[in-house]
């Protein structure tokens, strides 16, 4: 929780990961944005996915933030599919 709190403080201070940092991440990354999530915009999430060499963006319809509020029957199939796509 402390790390999450520190991340949120840094983001609020404008210290988000930028293009240069994201381009150095070489593992597959799937950025999933819940349709009802208001933490970041779809445009910001899609841009981050484009900067990642092996990035993908997926929108989760009807899904809120935080992820703990997503029903398991919705989240589990999406996670399985996302992992299969990312790991091929």
C-alpha atoms as a PDB file:
ATOM      1  CA  UNK A   1       0.000   0.000   0.000  1.00  0.00           C
ATOM      2  CA  UNK A   2       2.889   2.334   0.713  1.00  0.00           C
ATOM      3  CA  UNK A   3       4.286   1.805  -2.779  1.00  0.00           C
ATOM      4  CA  UNK A   4       0.874   2.486  -4.333  1.00  0.00           C
ATOM      5  CA  UNK A   5       0.525   5.629  -2.231  1.00  0.00           C
ATOM      6  CA  UNK A   6       4.001   6.778  -3.312  1.00  0.00           C
ATOM      7  CA  UNK A   7       3.139   6.108  -6.965  1.00  0.00           C
ATOM      8  CA  UNK A   8      -0.045   8.140  -6.682  1.00  0.00           C
ATOM      9  CA  UNK A   9       1.835  11.015  -5.047  1.00  0.00           C
ATOM     10  CA  UNK A  10       4.424  10.967  -7.849  1.00  0.00           C
ATOM     11  CA  UNK A  11       1.731  10.870 -10.533  1.00  0.00           C
ATOM     12  CA  UNK A  12      -0.085  13.779  -8.920  1.00  0.00           C
ATOM     13  CA  UNK A  13       3.215  15.696  -8.947  1.00  0.00           C
ATOM     14  CA  UNK A  14       3.511  15.082 -12.697  1.00  0.00           C
ATOM     15  CA  UNK A  15       6.135  12.346 -12.470  1.00  0.00           C
ATOM     16  CA  UNK A  16       4.412   9.876 -14.787  1.00  0.00           C
ATOM     17  CA  UNK A  17       6.422   7.463 -16.882  1.00  0.00           C
ATOM     18  CA  UNK A  18       7.229   9.142 -20.166  1.00  0.00           C
ATOM     19  CA  UNK A  19       7.877   7.925 -23.677  1.00  0.00           C
ATOM     20  CA  UNK A  20      11.596   7.293 -23.122  1.00  0.00           C
ATOM     21  CA  UNK A  21      10.979   5.091 -20.066  1.00  0.00           C
ATOM     22  CA  UNK A  22       8.142   3.168 -21.686  1.00  0.00           C
ATOM     23  CA  UNK A  23      10.143   2.474 -24.857  1.00  0.00           C
ATOM     24  CA  UNK A  24      12.777   0.707 -22.717  1.00  0.00           C
ATOM     25  CA  UNK A  25      10.276  -1.853 -21.373  1.00  0.00           C
ATOM     26  CA  UNK A  26      10.738  -4.909 -23.582  1.00  0.00           C
ATOM     27  CA  UNK A  27       8.452  -7.475 -21.977  1.00  0.00           C
ATOM     28  CA  UNK A  28       4.862  -7.817 -23.234  1.00  0.00           C
ATOM     29  CA  UNK A  29       2.526  -5.337 -21.525  1.00  0.00           C
ATOM     30  CA  UNK A  30      -1.238  -5.186 -21.824  1.00  0.00           C
ATOM     31  CA  UNK A  31      -2.789  -1.941 -20.649  1.00  0.00           C
ATOM     32  CA  UNK A  32      -6.393  -2.590 -19.759  1.00  0.00           C
ATOM     33  CA  UNK A  33      -8.599   0.393 -19.041  1.00  0.00           C
ATOM     34  CA  UNK A  34     -12.012  -0.020 -17.514  1.00  0.00           C
ATOM     35  CA  UNK A  35     -14.700   1.901 -19.375  1.00  0.00           C
ATOM     36  CA  UNK A  36     -15.824   3.480 -16.082  1.00  0.00           C
ATOM     37  CA  UNK A  37     -12.286   4.201 -14.843  1.00  0.00           C
ATOM     38  CA  UNK A  38     -11.556   7.916 -14.498  1.00  0.00           C
ATOM     39  CA  UNK A  39      -7.951   7.689 -13.227  1.00  0.00           C
ATOM     40  CA  UNK A  40      -6.537   8.220 -16.732  1.00  0.00           C
ATOM     41  CA  UNK A  41      -8.062   8.929 -20.113  1.00  0.00           C
ATOM     42  CA  UNK A  42      -8.391   6.338 -22.877  1.00  0.00           C
ATOM     43  CA  UNK A  43      -6.124   8.514 -25.026  1.00  0.00           C
ATOM     44  CA  UNK A  44      -3.350   8.488 -22.408  1.00  0.00           C
ATOM     45  CA  UNK A  45      -3.632   4.729 -21.999  1.00  0.00           C
ATOM     46  CA  UNK A  46      -3.600   4.085 -25.750  1.00  0.00           C
ATOM     47  CA  UNK A  47      -0.557   6.353 -26.177  1.00  0.00           C
ATOM     48  CA  UNK A  48       1.328   4.522 -23.447  1.00  0.00           C
ATOM     49  CA  UNK A  49       0.558   1.193 -25.142  1.00  0.00           C
ATOM     50  CA  UNK A  50       1.881   2.541 -28.469  1.00  0.00           C
ATOM     51  CA  UNK A  51       5.141   3.604 -26.815  1.00  0.00           C
ATOM     52  CA  UNK A  52       5.676   0.139 -25.340  1.00  0.00           C
ATOM     53  CA  UNK A  53       7.586  -1.998 -27.875  1.00  0.00           C
ATOM     54  CA  UNK A  54       5.341  -4.984 -27.087  1.00  0.00           C
ATOM     55  CA  UNK A  55       2.362  -3.062 -25.743  1.00  0.00           C
ATOM     56  CA  UNK A  56      -1.348  -3.580 -26.271  1.00  0.00           C
ATOM     57  CA  UNK A  57      -4.337  -1.550 -25.212  1.00  0.00           C
ATOM     58  CA  UNK A  58      -7.691  -3.068 -24.366  1.00  0.00           C
ATOM     59  CA  UNK A  59     -10.823  -1.414 -23.073  1.00  0.00           C
ATOM     60  CA  UNK A  60     -12.911  -3.363 -20.577  1.00  0.00           C
ATOM     61  CA  UNK A  61     -16.564  -2.505 -21.066  1.00  0.00           C
ATOM     62  CA  UNK A  62     -18.505  -1.607 -17.938  1.00  0.00           C
ATOM     63  CA  UNK A  63     -15.472  -2.031 -15.677  1.00  0.00           C
ATOM     64  CA  UNK A  64     -14.749   0.483 -12.872  1.00  0.00           C
ATOM     65  CA  UNK A  65     -11.657   1.453 -10.912  1.00  0.00           C
ATOM     66  CA  UNK A  66     -10.380  -0.035  -8.635  1.00  0.00           C
ATOM     67  CA  UNK A  67     -10.005  -3.505 -10.067  1.00  0.00           C
ATOM     68  CA  UNK A  68     -11.239  -5.022  -6.796  1.00  0.00           C
ATOM     69  CA  UNK A  69     -14.741  -3.836  -7.738  1.00  0.00           C
ATOM     70  CA  UNK A  70     -14.776  -5.893 -10.942  1.00  0.00           C
ATOM     71  CA  UNK A  71     -16.764  -9.121 -10.612  1.00  0.00           C
ATOM     72  CA  UNK A  72     -14.478 -12.162 -10.842  1.00  0.00           C
ATOM     73  CA  UNK A  73     -16.647 -13.650 -13.592  1.00  0.00           C
ATOM     74  CA  UNK A  74     -15.840 -10.574 -15.732  1.00  0.00           C
ATOM     75  CA  UNK A  75     -12.193 -10.159 -14.764  1.00  0.00           C
ATOM     76  CA  UNK A  76     -10.982 -13.768 -14.950  1.00  0.00           C
ATOM     77  CA  UNK A  77     -11.875 -14.407 -18.629  1.00  0.00           C
ATOM     78  CA  UNK A  78     -10.396 -11.052 -19.663  1.00  0.00           C
ATOM     79  CA  UNK A  79      -7.151 -11.745 -17.797  1.00  0.00           C
ATOM     80  CA  UNK A  80      -6.856 -15.184 -19.365  1.00  0.00           C
ATOM     81  CA  UNK A  81      -7.405 -13.813 -22.878  1.00  0.00           C
ATOM     82  CA  UNK A  82      -5.055 -10.861 -22.301  1.00  0.00           C
ATOM     83  CA  UNK A  83      -2.294 -13.147 -21.032  1.00  0.00           C
ATOM     84  CA  UNK A  84      -2.705 -15.526 -23.959  1.00  0.00           C
ATOM     85  CA  UNK A  85      -2.460 -12.619 -26.426  1.00  0.00           C
ATOM     86  CA  UNK A  86       0.507 -11.022 -24.710  1.00  0.00           C
ATOM     87  CA  UNK A  87       2.447 -14.221 -24.181  1.00  0.00           C
ATOM     88  CA  UNK A  88       1.330 -15.795 -27.466  1.00  0.00           C
END
